[in-house]
């Protein structure tokens, strides 16, 4: 990839400056592995990329991305990654899912997550306030 004229490697950049770069990509690649914490981690880069609408490809295992299979392409190996990129390139990297990705991302705000947690906690507290026989 480093020899491709379509790829630029910029080195480490502060996180808060990255969103404009994300918007210039044809597709995002998340090179995850099956070891370490990737399978059970929260993929911040996935959520940072979603609002742009571009296709997202990932390798390895990530349960949170796998919960939304229409939003990202899982590539089991290098061959699958290359084939998926070729297919996307043939469509101009427009897979028709940009709006779905953007809409999903707009539902993943910290306020909405906090509201969901508050609702879950209220449900638990309500269930605990009932007599044991009514639970």
N, C-alpha and C. Protein backbone atom coordinates (compact mmCIF):
# COMPACT_ATOMS: atom_id res chain seq x y z
N UNK A 1 0.81 -1.20 0.00
CA UNK A 1 0.00 0.00 0.00
C UNK A 1 0.86 1.26 0.00
N UNK A 2 2.04 1.18 0.60
CA UNK A 2 2.88 2.38 0.68
C UNK A 2 3.37 2.85 -0.68
N UNK A 3 3.38 1.97 -1.67
CA UNK A 3 3.83 2.36 -3.00
C UNK A 3 2.69 2.89 -3.87
N UNK A 4 1.46 2.79 -3.41
CA UNK A 4 0.32 3.25 -4.19
C UNK A 4 0.22 4.78 -4.17
N UNK A 5 -0.01 5.40 -5.33
CA UNK A 5 -0.18 6.85 -5.34
C UNK A 5 -1.47 7.29 -4.65
N UNK A 6 -2.39 6.33 -4.38
CA UNK A 6 -3.65 6.67 -3.71
C UNK A 6 -3.54 6.60 -2.20
N UNK A 7 -2.38 6.16 -1.69
CA UNK A 7 -2.19 6.02 -0.25
C UNK A 7 -1.11 6.96 0.24
N UNK A 8 -1.40 7.61 1.36
CA UNK A 8 -0.40 8.47 1.99
C UNK A 8 -0.28 8.08 3.44
N UNK A 9 0.93 7.90 3.91
CA UNK A 9 1.17 7.56 5.30
C UNK A 9 1.68 8.82 5.99
N UNK A 10 0.90 9.31 6.95
CA UNK A 10 1.18 10.58 7.59
C UNK A 10 1.84 10.44 8.95
N UNK A 11 1.92 9.24 9.47
CA UNK A 11 2.48 9.06 10.81
C UNK A 11 1.43 9.37 11.87
N UNK A 12 1.89 9.49 13.09
CA UNK A 12 0.97 9.74 14.20
C UNK A 12 0.44 11.17 14.16
N UNK A 13 -0.87 11.29 14.34
CA UNK A 13 -1.52 12.59 14.38
C UNK A 13 -2.45 12.63 15.59
N UNK A 14 -2.71 13.81 16.16
CA UNK A 14 -3.65 13.89 17.28
C UNK A 14 -5.04 13.44 16.84
N UNK A 15 -5.71 12.67 17.67
CA UNK A 15 -7.01 12.10 17.33
C UNK A 15 -8.00 13.15 16.87
N UNK A 16 -8.04 14.29 17.57
CA UNK A 16 -9.05 15.30 17.26
C UNK A 16 -8.86 15.94 15.88
N UNK A 17 -7.74 15.69 15.22
CA UNK A 17 -7.51 16.26 13.87
C UNK A 17 -7.81 15.27 12.76
N UNK A 18 -8.27 14.08 13.08
CA UNK A 18 -8.39 13.01 12.09
C UNK A 18 -9.66 13.03 11.23
N UNK A 19 -10.78 13.54 11.73
CA UNK A 19 -12.05 13.45 11.00
C UNK A 19 -11.96 14.00 9.57
N UNK A 20 -11.32 15.14 9.31
CA UNK A 20 -11.22 15.59 7.91
C UNK A 20 -10.46 14.60 7.02
N UNK A 21 -9.49 13.90 7.58
CA UNK A 21 -8.77 12.88 6.80
C UNK A 21 -9.68 11.71 6.49
N UNK A 22 -10.49 11.29 7.48
CA UNK A 22 -11.40 10.17 7.27
C UNK A 22 -12.31 10.43 6.07
N UNK A 23 -12.77 11.66 5.93
CA UNK A 23 -13.71 12.01 4.88
C UNK A 23 -13.10 11.95 3.48
N UNK A 24 -11.78 11.89 3.38
CA UNK A 24 -11.14 11.86 2.06
C UNK A 24 -10.88 10.44 1.56
N UNK A 25 -11.16 9.45 2.37
CA UNK A 25 -10.86 8.07 2.01
C UNK A 25 -11.88 7.50 1.04
N UNK A 26 -11.42 6.58 0.19
CA UNK A 26 -12.34 5.80 -0.64
C UNK A 26 -13.00 4.73 0.21
N UNK A 27 -12.22 4.14 1.09
CA UNK A 27 -12.69 3.10 1.99
C UNK A 27 -11.78 3.10 3.21
N UNK A 28 -12.29 2.63 4.31
CA UNK A 28 -11.50 2.54 5.54
C UNK A 28 -11.13 1.08 5.78
N UNK A 29 -9.93 0.85 6.21
CA UNK A 29 -9.46 -0.49 6.54
C UNK A 29 -9.09 -0.54 8.01
N UNK A 30 -9.71 -1.46 8.73
CA UNK A 30 -9.42 -1.65 10.15
C UNK A 30 -8.71 -3.00 10.29
N UNK A 31 -7.39 -2.98 10.37
CA UNK A 31 -6.63 -4.24 10.45
C UNK A 31 -6.61 -4.82 11.86
N UNK A 32 -7.67 -5.50 12.24
CA UNK A 32 -7.77 -6.10 13.56
C UNK A 32 -7.23 -7.52 13.55
N UNK A 33 -6.91 -8.02 14.71
CA UNK A 33 -6.44 -9.40 14.84
C UNK A 33 -7.41 -10.16 15.74
N UNK A 34 -7.21 -11.44 15.84
CA UNK A 34 -8.06 -12.26 16.69
C UNK A 34 -7.48 -12.40 18.10
N UNK A 35 -6.33 -11.84 18.32
CA UNK A 35 -5.74 -11.95 19.66
C UNK A 35 -5.85 -10.62 20.39
N UNK A 36 -5.27 -10.57 21.55
CA UNK A 36 -5.28 -9.39 22.39
C UNK A 36 -6.73 -9.07 22.76
N UNK A 37 -7.12 -7.81 22.73
CA UNK A 37 -8.46 -7.44 23.16
C UNK A 37 -9.42 -7.13 22.00
N UNK A 38 -8.95 -7.21 20.76
CA UNK A 38 -9.79 -6.85 19.63
C UNK A 38 -11.15 -7.54 19.59
N UNK A 39 -11.22 -8.85 19.85
CA UNK A 39 -12.54 -9.50 19.74
C UNK A 39 -13.61 -8.91 20.65
N UNK A 40 -13.21 -8.34 21.80
CA UNK A 40 -14.21 -7.83 22.74
C UNK A 40 -14.08 -6.32 22.98
N UNK A 41 -13.30 -5.63 22.18
CA UNK A 41 -13.11 -4.20 22.41
C UNK A 41 -14.16 -3.37 21.66
N UNK A 42 -14.23 -2.11 22.02
CA UNK A 42 -15.10 -1.19 21.31
C UNK A 42 -14.25 -0.48 20.26
N UNK A 43 -14.57 -0.66 19.00
CA UNK A 43 -13.73 -0.14 17.92
C UNK A 43 -13.97 1.35 17.64
N UNK A 44 -13.24 2.20 18.33
CA UNK A 44 -13.42 3.64 18.21
C UNK A 44 -13.28 4.09 16.76
N UNK A 45 -12.30 3.55 16.06
CA UNK A 45 -12.09 3.95 14.66
C UNK A 45 -13.31 3.63 13.79
N UNK A 46 -13.95 2.52 14.04
CA UNK A 46 -15.17 2.15 13.31
C UNK A 46 -16.22 3.25 13.48
N UNK A 47 -16.44 3.68 14.72
CA UNK A 47 -17.44 4.70 14.98
C UNK A 47 -17.02 6.07 14.47
N UNK A 48 -15.72 6.32 14.39
CA UNK A 48 -15.23 7.58 13.83
C UNK A 48 -15.42 7.62 12.32
N UNK A 49 -15.34 6.48 11.68
CA UNK A 49 -15.44 6.39 10.23
C UNK A 49 -16.88 6.36 9.73
N UNK A 50 -17.78 5.81 10.51
CA UNK A 50 -19.17 5.64 10.08
C UNK A 50 -19.83 6.90 9.52
N UNK A 51 -19.69 8.06 10.16
CA UNK A 51 -20.42 9.24 9.64
C UNK A 51 -20.03 9.64 8.22
N UNK A 52 -18.85 9.25 7.77
CA UNK A 52 -18.42 9.61 6.42
C UNK A 52 -19.19 8.83 5.37
N UNK A 53 -19.71 7.67 5.73
CA UNK A 53 -20.48 6.84 4.81
C UNK A 53 -19.66 5.91 3.94
N UNK A 54 -18.35 6.10 3.90
CA UNK A 54 -17.53 5.26 3.03
C UNK A 54 -17.54 3.79 3.50
N UNK A 55 -17.28 2.88 2.57
CA UNK A 55 -17.17 1.47 2.95
C UNK A 55 -16.08 1.26 3.99
N UNK A 56 -16.34 0.33 4.90
CA UNK A 56 -15.38 -0.02 5.95
C UNK A 56 -15.10 -1.51 5.83
N UNK A 57 -13.82 -1.85 5.75
CA UNK A 57 -13.40 -3.25 5.68
C UNK A 57 -12.61 -3.54 6.95
N UNK A 58 -12.80 -4.73 7.50
CA UNK A 58 -12.02 -5.09 8.68
C UNK A 58 -11.59 -6.54 8.62
N UNK A 59 -10.47 -6.80 9.24
CA UNK A 59 -9.95 -8.15 9.36
C UNK A 59 -10.07 -8.56 10.82
N UNK A 60 -9.79 -9.80 11.10
CA UNK A 60 -9.84 -10.27 12.47
C UNK A 60 -11.25 -10.32 13.01
N UNK A 61 -11.32 -10.32 14.32
CA UNK A 61 -12.60 -10.47 15.00
C UNK A 61 -12.89 -9.26 15.86
N UNK A 62 -14.10 -8.75 15.74
CA UNK A 62 -14.57 -7.68 16.61
C UNK A 62 -16.08 -7.86 16.75
N UNK A 63 -16.51 -8.31 17.92
CA UNK A 63 -17.92 -8.62 18.14
C UNK A 63 -18.81 -7.41 17.90
N UNK A 64 -18.36 -6.22 18.29
CA UNK A 64 -19.22 -5.05 18.14
C UNK A 64 -19.44 -4.69 16.67
N UNK A 65 -18.44 -4.82 15.83
CA UNK A 65 -18.63 -4.56 14.40
C UNK A 65 -19.48 -5.67 13.78
N UNK A 66 -19.25 -6.89 14.21
CA UNK A 66 -20.00 -8.03 13.66
C UNK A 66 -21.50 -7.93 13.95
N UNK A 67 -21.89 -7.17 14.97
CA UNK A 67 -23.31 -6.98 15.28
C UNK A 67 -24.04 -6.19 14.21
N UNK A 68 -23.29 -5.49 13.36
CA UNK A 68 -23.89 -4.66 12.31
C UNK A 68 -23.28 -5.04 10.96
N UNK A 69 -23.57 -6.25 10.47
CA UNK A 69 -22.89 -6.75 9.27
C UNK A 69 -23.14 -5.94 8.00
N UNK A 70 -24.21 -5.17 7.94
CA UNK A 70 -24.45 -4.39 6.73
C UNK A 70 -23.61 -3.11 6.68
N UNK A 71 -22.95 -2.77 7.78
CA UNK A 71 -22.19 -1.52 7.84
C UNK A 71 -20.72 -1.68 7.49
N UNK A 72 -20.20 -2.90 7.57
CA UNK A 72 -18.77 -3.12 7.30
C UNK A 72 -18.59 -4.49 6.65
N UNK A 73 -17.50 -4.60 5.93
CA UNK A 73 -17.16 -5.85 5.24
C UNK A 73 -16.11 -6.60 6.06
N UNK A 74 -16.45 -7.80 6.48
CA UNK A 74 -15.46 -8.62 7.17
C UNK A 74 -14.64 -9.38 6.14
N UNK A 75 -13.34 -9.25 6.22
CA UNK A 75 -12.42 -9.92 5.29
C UNK A 75 -11.58 -10.90 6.09
N UNK A 76 -11.81 -12.18 5.87
CA UNK A 76 -11.16 -13.22 6.67
C UNK A 76 -9.66 -13.32 6.43
N UNK A 77 -9.22 -12.91 5.25
CA UNK A 77 -7.79 -13.01 4.94
C UNK A 77 -7.42 -11.98 3.87
N UNK A 78 -6.17 -11.96 3.49
CA UNK A 78 -5.69 -11.01 2.49
C UNK A 78 -6.38 -11.14 1.16
N UNK A 79 -6.68 -12.38 0.76
CA UNK A 79 -7.38 -12.60 -0.51
C UNK A 79 -8.76 -11.96 -0.49
N UNK A 80 -9.47 -12.17 0.60
CA UNK A 80 -10.82 -11.59 0.72
C UNK A 80 -10.75 -10.07 0.75
N UNK A 81 -9.75 -9.55 1.41
CA UNK A 81 -9.57 -8.09 1.47
C UNK A 81 -9.32 -7.52 0.07
N UNK A 82 -8.43 -8.14 -0.66
CA UNK A 82 -8.11 -7.68 -2.02
C UNK A 82 -9.34 -7.79 -2.92
N UNK A 83 -10.05 -8.89 -2.85
CA UNK A 83 -11.24 -9.08 -3.68
C UNK A 83 -12.32 -8.05 -3.35
N UNK A 84 -12.51 -7.79 -2.07
CA UNK A 84 -13.52 -6.81 -1.66
C UNK A 84 -13.14 -5.41 -2.14
N UNK A 85 -11.86 -5.06 -2.00
CA UNK A 85 -11.41 -3.75 -2.49
C UNK A 85 -11.59 -3.62 -4.00
N UNK A 86 -11.29 -4.68 -4.73
CA UNK A 86 -11.48 -4.65 -6.19
C UNK A 86 -12.94 -4.46 -6.55
N UNK A 87 -13.82 -5.17 -5.87
CA UNK A 87 -15.26 -5.04 -6.13
C UNK A 87 -15.74 -3.63 -5.81
N UNK A 88 -15.27 -3.08 -4.72
CA UNK A 88 -15.67 -1.72 -4.35
C UNK A 88 -15.12 -0.70 -5.35
N UNK A 89 -13.88 -0.90 -5.78
CA UNK A 89 -13.28 0.02 -6.75
C UNK A 89 -14.08 0.03 -8.04
N UNK A 90 -14.61 -1.12 -8.43
CA UNK A 90 -15.40 -1.21 -9.66
C UNK A 90 -16.69 -0.39 -9.57
N UNK A 91 -17.16 -0.12 -8.36
CA UNK A 91 -18.36 0.69 -8.17
C UNK A 91 -18.03 2.13 -7.80
N UNK A 92 -16.74 2.49 -7.90
CA UNK A 92 -16.34 3.83 -7.47
C UNK A 92 -16.44 3.99 -5.97
N UNK A 93 -16.34 2.89 -5.25
CA UNK A 93 -16.43 2.83 -3.79
C UNK A 93 -17.80 3.31 -3.28
N UNK A 94 -18.80 3.16 -4.12
CA UNK A 94 -20.17 3.48 -3.72
C UNK A 94 -20.95 2.18 -3.65
N UNK A 95 -21.11 1.68 -2.44
CA UNK A 95 -21.82 0.41 -2.27
C UNK A 95 -23.28 0.61 -1.90
N UNK A 96 -23.75 1.85 -1.94
CA UNK A 96 -25.15 2.12 -1.65
C UNK A 96 -25.50 2.10 -0.17
N UNK A 97 -24.52 2.04 0.70
CA UNK A 97 -24.79 1.95 2.14
C UNK A 97 -24.37 3.21 2.91
N UNK A 98 -23.99 4.25 2.20
CA UNK A 98 -23.48 5.47 2.86
C UNK A 98 -24.53 6.05 3.82
N UNK A 99 -25.75 6.16 3.37
CA UNK A 99 -26.80 6.74 4.22
C UNK A 99 -27.06 5.88 5.44
N UNK A 100 -27.05 4.57 5.26
CA UNK A 100 -27.26 3.65 6.39
C UNK A 100 -26.16 3.82 7.43
N UNK A 101 -24.91 3.93 6.97
CA UNK A 101 -23.80 4.14 7.91
C UNK A 101 -23.94 5.46 8.65
N UNK A 102 -24.26 6.49 7.91
CA UNK A 102 -24.40 7.82 8.51
C UNK A 102 -25.54 7.83 9.53
N UNK A 103 -26.68 7.26 9.16
CA UNK A 103 -27.84 7.21 10.05
C UNK A 103 -27.51 6.44 11.33
N UNK A 104 -26.83 5.31 11.18
CA UNK A 104 -26.44 4.52 12.35
C UNK A 104 -25.51 5.33 13.25
N UNK A 105 -24.54 6.02 12.65
CA UNK A 105 -23.59 6.82 13.42
C UNK A 105 -24.29 7.91 14.21
N UNK A 106 -25.31 8.52 13.63
CA UNK A 106 -26.03 9.59 14.32
C UNK A 106 -26.79 9.06 15.54
N UNK A 107 -27.01 7.75 15.58
CA UNK A 107 -27.66 7.13 16.74
C UNK A 107 -26.67 6.67 17.78
N UNK A 108 -25.40 6.93 17.58
CA UNK A 108 -24.35 6.47 18.51
C UNK A 108 -23.68 7.63 19.23
N UNK A 109 -24.47 8.61 19.64
CA UNK A 109 -23.88 9.73 20.37
C UNK A 109 -23.73 9.36 21.84
N UNK A 110 -22.89 10.10 22.54
CA UNK A 110 -22.72 9.85 23.97
C UNK A 110 -24.03 10.12 24.72
N UNK A 111 -24.78 11.13 24.30
CA UNK A 111 -26.06 11.41 24.95
C UNK A 111 -27.02 10.24 24.80
N UNK A 112 -27.07 9.65 23.61
CA UNK A 112 -27.96 8.51 23.40
C UNK A 112 -27.49 7.28 24.16
N UNK A 113 -26.19 7.10 24.23
CA UNK A 113 -25.67 5.97 25.02
C UNK A 113 -25.99 6.15 26.50
N UNK A 114 -25.82 7.38 27.00
CA UNK A 114 -26.12 7.66 28.40
C UNK A 114 -27.61 7.44 28.68
N UNK A 115 -28.48 7.85 27.75
CA UNK A 115 -29.92 7.64 27.92
C UNK A 115 -30.26 6.15 27.96
N UNK A 116 -29.61 5.36 27.11
CA UNK A 116 -29.85 3.92 27.10
C UNK A 116 -29.40 3.27 28.41
N UNK A 117 -28.25 3.72 28.93
CA UNK A 117 -27.76 3.19 30.21
C UNK A 117 -28.73 3.58 31.33
N UNK A 118 -29.17 4.84 31.33
CA UNK A 118 -30.11 5.29 32.36
C UNK A 118 -31.40 4.48 32.31
N UNK A 119 -31.89 4.22 31.11
CA UNK A 119 -33.11 3.43 30.96
C UNK A 119 -32.91 2.01 31.48
N UNK A 120 -31.76 1.42 31.18
CA UNK A 120 -31.48 0.06 31.66
C UNK A 120 -31.38 0.03 33.19
N UNK A 121 -30.73 1.04 33.76
CA UNK A 121 -30.61 1.11 35.22
C UNK A 121 -31.98 1.30 35.87
N UNK A 122 -32.82 2.14 35.28
CA UNK A 122 -34.17 2.34 35.81
C UNK A 122 -34.96 1.03 35.78
N UNK A 123 -34.81 0.26 34.71
CA UNK A 123 -35.52 -1.03 34.62
C UNK A 123 -35.05 -1.98 35.70
N UNK A 124 -33.75 -2.01 35.97
CA UNK A 124 -33.22 -2.89 37.03
C UNK A 124 -33.72 -2.44 38.39
N UNK A 125 -33.66 -1.13 38.64
CA UNK A 125 -34.13 -0.62 39.93
C UNK A 125 -35.62 -0.87 40.12
N UNK A 126 -36.39 -0.73 39.07
CA UNK A 126 -37.83 -0.99 39.15
C UNK A 126 -38.08 -2.46 39.46
N UNK A 127 -37.35 -3.35 38.78
CA UNK A 127 -37.51 -4.78 39.02
C UNK A 127 -37.13 -5.15 40.45
N UNK A 128 -36.10 -4.51 40.98
CA UNK A 128 -35.67 -4.81 42.35
C UNK A 128 -36.64 -4.26 43.39
N UNK A 129 -37.40 -3.24 43.03
CA UNK A 129 -38.33 -2.65 44.00
C UNK A 129 -39.59 -3.48 44.14
N UNK A 130 -39.84 -4.41 43.22
CA UNK A 130 -41.01 -5.29 43.33
C UNK A 130 -40.73 -6.40 44.33
N UNK A 131 -41.75 -6.89 44.96
CA UNK A 131 -41.56 -8.02 45.90
C UNK A 131 -40.98 -9.23 45.15
N UNK A 132 -40.19 -10.05 45.83
CA UNK A 132 -39.57 -11.21 45.16
C UNK A 132 -40.56 -12.09 44.42
N UNK A 133 -41.75 -12.25 44.90
CA UNK A 133 -42.74 -13.13 44.24
C UNK A 133 -43.20 -12.52 42.92
N UNK A 134 -43.12 -11.20 42.78
CA UNK A 134 -43.58 -10.53 41.55
C UNK A 134 -42.50 -10.41 40.50
N UNK A 135 -41.29 -10.81 40.84
CA UNK A 135 -40.17 -10.66 39.90
C UNK A 135 -40.19 -11.70 38.86
